[in-house]
């Protein structure tokens, strides 16, 4: 006895039955979602990003203080 089986599906008003037609319909459905399109996508090649100065960039790699960790943990339930 098959519990999780698809015996038929409707695609564009037509009822499809059998493994191969259903497989092809499912494949076509998802293929249409993931096909390449001719949409112009912006790149980052010519963008000018702001740069951090040395003291600011150094603060990105410093260890967390005990007070910072405690504040973050105590703040977890506030949202």
N, C-alpha and C. Protein backbone atom coordinates (compact mmCIF):
# COMPACT_ATOMS: atom_id res chain seq x y z
N UNK A 1 0.84 -1.18 0.00
CA UNK A 1 0.00 0.00 0.00
C UNK A 1 0.88 1.24 0.00
N UNK A 2 0.67 2.10 -0.96
CA UNK A 2 1.44 3.34 -1.06
C UNK A 2 0.73 4.45 -0.30
N UNK A 3 1.46 5.04 0.63
CA UNK A 3 0.88 6.12 1.41
C UNK A 3 1.22 7.47 0.79
N UNK A 4 2.46 7.66 0.41
CA UNK A 4 2.91 8.93 -0.16
C UNK A 4 3.07 8.78 -1.66
N UNK A 5 2.00 8.89 -2.39
CA UNK A 5 2.06 8.73 -3.84
C UNK A 5 1.22 9.81 -4.49
N UNK A 6 1.66 10.26 -5.65
CA UNK A 6 0.88 11.21 -6.45
C UNK A 6 0.34 10.42 -7.63
N UNK A 7 -0.96 10.26 -7.66
CA UNK A 7 -1.55 9.47 -8.74
C UNK A 7 -1.88 10.31 -9.96
N UNK A 8 -2.14 11.61 -9.76
CA UNK A 8 -2.37 12.51 -10.89
C UNK A 8 -2.15 13.94 -10.43
N UNK A 9 -1.89 14.82 -11.41
CA UNK A 9 -1.81 16.25 -11.14
C UNK A 9 -2.47 16.98 -12.29
N UNK A 10 -2.86 18.22 -12.05
CA UNK A 10 -3.43 19.04 -13.10
C UNK A 10 -2.44 20.14 -13.46
N UNK A 11 -2.15 20.25 -14.73
CA UNK A 11 -1.24 21.26 -15.24
C UNK A 11 -1.94 21.99 -16.37
N UNK A 12 -2.12 23.29 -16.20
CA UNK A 12 -2.79 24.12 -17.21
C UNK A 12 -4.14 23.53 -17.63
N UNK A 13 -4.89 23.02 -16.68
CA UNK A 13 -6.22 22.48 -16.95
C UNK A 13 -6.24 21.05 -17.44
N UNK A 14 -5.10 20.46 -17.71
CA UNK A 14 -5.04 19.08 -18.18
C UNK A 14 -4.63 18.17 -17.02
N UNK A 15 -5.28 17.02 -16.93
CA UNK A 15 -4.95 16.05 -15.89
C UNK A 15 -3.89 15.09 -16.41
N UNK A 16 -2.79 14.99 -15.67
CA UNK A 16 -1.70 14.10 -16.05
C UNK A 16 -1.66 12.92 -15.09
N UNK A 17 -1.56 11.72 -15.64
CA UNK A 17 -1.48 10.51 -14.84
C UNK A 17 -0.27 9.70 -15.29
N UNK A 18 0.28 8.93 -14.38
CA UNK A 18 1.42 8.08 -14.70
C UNK A 18 2.73 8.74 -14.29
N UNK A 19 3.72 7.90 -14.09
CA UNK A 19 5.00 8.36 -13.58
C UNK A 19 5.69 9.33 -14.54
N UNK A 20 5.82 8.96 -15.80
CA UNK A 20 6.58 9.79 -16.75
C UNK A 20 5.95 11.15 -17.00
N UNK A 21 4.65 11.25 -17.26
CA UNK A 21 4.07 12.59 -17.45
C UNK A 21 4.16 13.47 -16.20
N UNK A 22 3.95 12.88 -15.03
CA UNK A 22 4.05 13.65 -13.79
C UNK A 22 5.49 14.09 -13.56
N UNK A 23 6.43 13.19 -13.78
CA UNK A 23 7.85 13.53 -13.62
C UNK A 23 8.24 14.68 -14.55
N UNK A 24 7.80 14.61 -15.81
CA UNK A 24 8.13 15.65 -16.78
C UNK A 24 7.49 16.98 -16.38
N UNK A 25 6.26 16.96 -15.89
CA UNK A 25 5.59 18.20 -15.48
C UNK A 25 6.29 18.84 -14.29
N UNK A 26 6.68 18.03 -13.32
CA UNK A 26 7.38 18.56 -12.14
C UNK A 26 8.74 19.10 -12.56
N UNK A 27 9.45 18.38 -13.40
CA UNK A 27 10.75 18.84 -13.89
C UNK A 27 10.61 20.17 -14.63
N UNK A 28 9.63 20.26 -15.53
CA UNK A 28 9.43 21.49 -16.30
C UNK A 28 9.07 22.66 -15.40
N UNK A 29 8.25 22.40 -14.39
CA UNK A 29 7.85 23.46 -13.46
C UNK A 29 9.07 24.05 -12.77
N UNK A 30 9.92 23.20 -12.20
CA UNK A 30 11.07 23.71 -11.48
C UNK A 30 12.16 24.23 -12.42
N UNK A 31 12.29 23.64 -13.60
CA UNK A 31 13.27 24.12 -14.57
C UNK A 31 12.94 25.55 -14.99
N UNK A 32 11.65 25.87 -15.11
CA UNK A 32 11.27 27.22 -15.50
C UNK A 32 11.62 28.24 -14.42
N UNK A 33 11.66 27.82 -13.17
CA UNK A 33 12.02 28.72 -12.08
C UNK A 33 13.51 28.99 -12.02
N UNK A 34 14.32 28.05 -12.49
CA UNK A 34 15.77 28.17 -12.34
C UNK A 34 16.51 28.40 -13.65
N UNK A 35 15.79 28.64 -14.74
CA UNK A 35 16.47 28.86 -16.01
C UNK A 35 17.12 30.24 -16.02
N UNK A 36 18.16 30.35 -16.80
CA UNK A 36 18.87 31.63 -16.93
C UNK A 36 18.00 32.61 -17.69
N UNK A 37 18.01 33.83 -17.25
CA UNK A 37 17.24 34.86 -17.94
C UNK A 37 18.19 35.96 -18.40
N UNK A 38 17.70 36.77 -19.30
CA UNK A 38 18.53 37.84 -19.85
C UNK A 38 18.36 39.13 -19.06
N UNK A 39 18.24 39.02 -17.77
CA UNK A 39 18.11 40.18 -16.91
C UNK A 39 19.49 40.77 -16.69
N UNK A 40 19.60 42.08 -16.83
CA UNK A 40 20.89 42.71 -16.60
C UNK A 40 21.17 42.79 -15.11
N UNK A 41 22.23 42.19 -14.70
CA UNK A 41 22.60 42.19 -13.29
C UNK A 41 23.77 43.14 -13.09
N UNK A 42 23.70 43.86 -12.02
CA UNK A 42 24.75 44.82 -11.72
C UNK A 42 25.91 44.11 -11.03
N UNK A 43 27.10 44.49 -11.39
CA UNK A 43 28.30 43.92 -10.79
C UNK A 43 28.92 44.91 -9.82
N UNK A 44 29.95 44.49 -9.18
CA UNK A 44 30.63 45.35 -8.21
C UNK A 44 31.98 45.84 -8.74
N UNK A 45 32.27 45.59 -9.99
CA UNK A 45 33.58 45.91 -10.53
C UNK A 45 33.89 47.40 -10.46
N UNK A 46 32.93 48.26 -10.76
CA UNK A 46 33.20 49.69 -10.85
C UNK A 46 32.68 50.49 -9.65
N UNK A 47 32.34 49.84 -8.58
CA UNK A 47 31.84 50.55 -7.41
C UNK A 47 33.01 51.06 -6.57
N UNK A 48 32.80 52.19 -5.97
CA UNK A 48 33.80 52.77 -5.09
C UNK A 48 33.31 52.61 -3.65
N UNK A 49 33.94 51.74 -2.90
CA UNK A 49 33.55 51.49 -1.53
C UNK A 49 34.31 52.41 -0.59
N UNK A 50 33.65 52.80 0.49
CA UNK A 50 34.34 53.57 1.52
C UNK A 50 35.30 52.62 2.24
N UNK A 51 36.41 53.16 2.66
CA UNK A 51 37.42 52.36 3.35
C UNK A 51 37.49 52.77 4.81
N UNK A 52 37.77 51.78 5.64
CA UNK A 52 37.97 52.05 7.06
C UNK A 52 39.40 52.51 7.30
N UNK A 53 39.56 53.43 8.24
CA UNK A 53 40.91 53.82 8.60
C UNK A 53 41.50 52.74 9.51
N UNK A 54 42.80 52.84 9.79
CA UNK A 54 43.48 51.78 10.54
C UNK A 54 42.88 51.55 11.92
N UNK A 55 42.61 52.57 12.74
CA UNK A 55 42.04 52.30 14.07
C UNK A 55 40.67 51.63 14.00
N UNK A 56 39.82 52.05 13.06
CA UNK A 56 38.50 51.43 12.93
C UNK A 56 38.60 49.99 12.45
N UNK A 57 39.48 49.73 11.51
CA UNK A 57 39.61 48.36 11.00
C UNK A 57 40.19 47.44 12.07
N UNK A 58 41.06 47.96 12.91
CA UNK A 58 41.62 47.16 13.99
C UNK A 58 40.58 46.77 15.02
N UNK A 59 39.55 47.61 15.18
CA UNK A 59 38.51 47.30 16.17
C UNK A 59 37.62 46.15 15.72
N UNK A 60 37.68 45.78 14.45
CA UNK A 60 36.86 44.67 13.96
C UNK A 60 37.40 43.31 14.40
N UNK A 61 38.65 43.24 14.79
CA UNK A 61 39.24 41.95 15.15
C UNK A 61 39.58 41.85 16.63
N UNK A 62 39.19 42.85 17.41
CA UNK A 62 39.50 42.77 18.84
C UNK A 62 38.53 41.81 19.52
N UNK A 63 38.93 41.16 20.60
CA UNK A 63 38.04 40.22 21.30
C UNK A 63 36.90 40.96 21.99
N UNK A 64 35.78 40.25 22.18
CA UNK A 64 34.64 40.81 22.90
C UNK A 64 35.00 40.95 24.37
N UNK A 65 34.47 41.99 25.00
CA UNK A 65 34.68 42.14 26.44
C UNK A 65 33.61 41.34 27.18
N UNK A 66 33.85 41.05 28.43
CA UNK A 66 32.88 40.32 29.25
C UNK A 66 31.58 41.10 29.32
N UNK A 67 31.65 42.42 29.44
CA UNK A 67 30.44 43.24 29.51
C UNK A 67 29.64 43.18 28.21
N UNK A 68 30.32 43.15 27.05
CA UNK A 68 29.62 43.05 25.77
C UNK A 68 28.89 41.71 25.65
N UNK A 69 29.53 40.64 26.05
CA UNK A 69 28.91 39.31 25.99
C UNK A 69 27.73 39.26 26.94
N UNK A 70 27.90 39.76 28.15
CA UNK A 70 26.82 39.75 29.14
C UNK A 70 25.63 40.56 28.63
N UNK A 71 25.87 41.74 28.07
CA UNK A 71 24.78 42.57 27.55
C UNK A 71 24.05 41.87 26.41
N UNK A 72 24.78 41.18 25.53
CA UNK A 72 24.16 40.48 24.41
C UNK A 72 23.31 39.32 24.90
N UNK A 73 23.80 38.57 25.90
CA UNK A 73 23.05 37.43 26.43
C UNK A 73 21.80 37.91 27.15
N UNK A 74 21.92 38.94 27.94
CA UNK A 74 20.76 39.46 28.69
C UNK A 74 19.73 40.06 27.75
N UNK A 75 20.15 40.52 26.58
CA UNK A 75 19.26 41.16 25.62
C UNK A 75 18.55 40.15 24.73
N UNK A 76 18.88 38.87 24.81
CA UNK A 76 18.33 37.86 23.90
C UNK A 76 16.81 37.77 23.95
N UNK A 77 16.21 37.88 25.10
CA UNK A 77 14.76 37.72 25.20
C UNK A 77 13.97 38.99 24.98
N UNK A 78 14.60 40.09 24.60
CA UNK A 78 13.90 41.37 24.52
C UNK A 78 13.27 41.66 23.17
N UNK A 79 13.42 40.79 22.19
CA UNK A 79 12.82 41.10 20.90
C UNK A 79 11.61 40.31 20.63
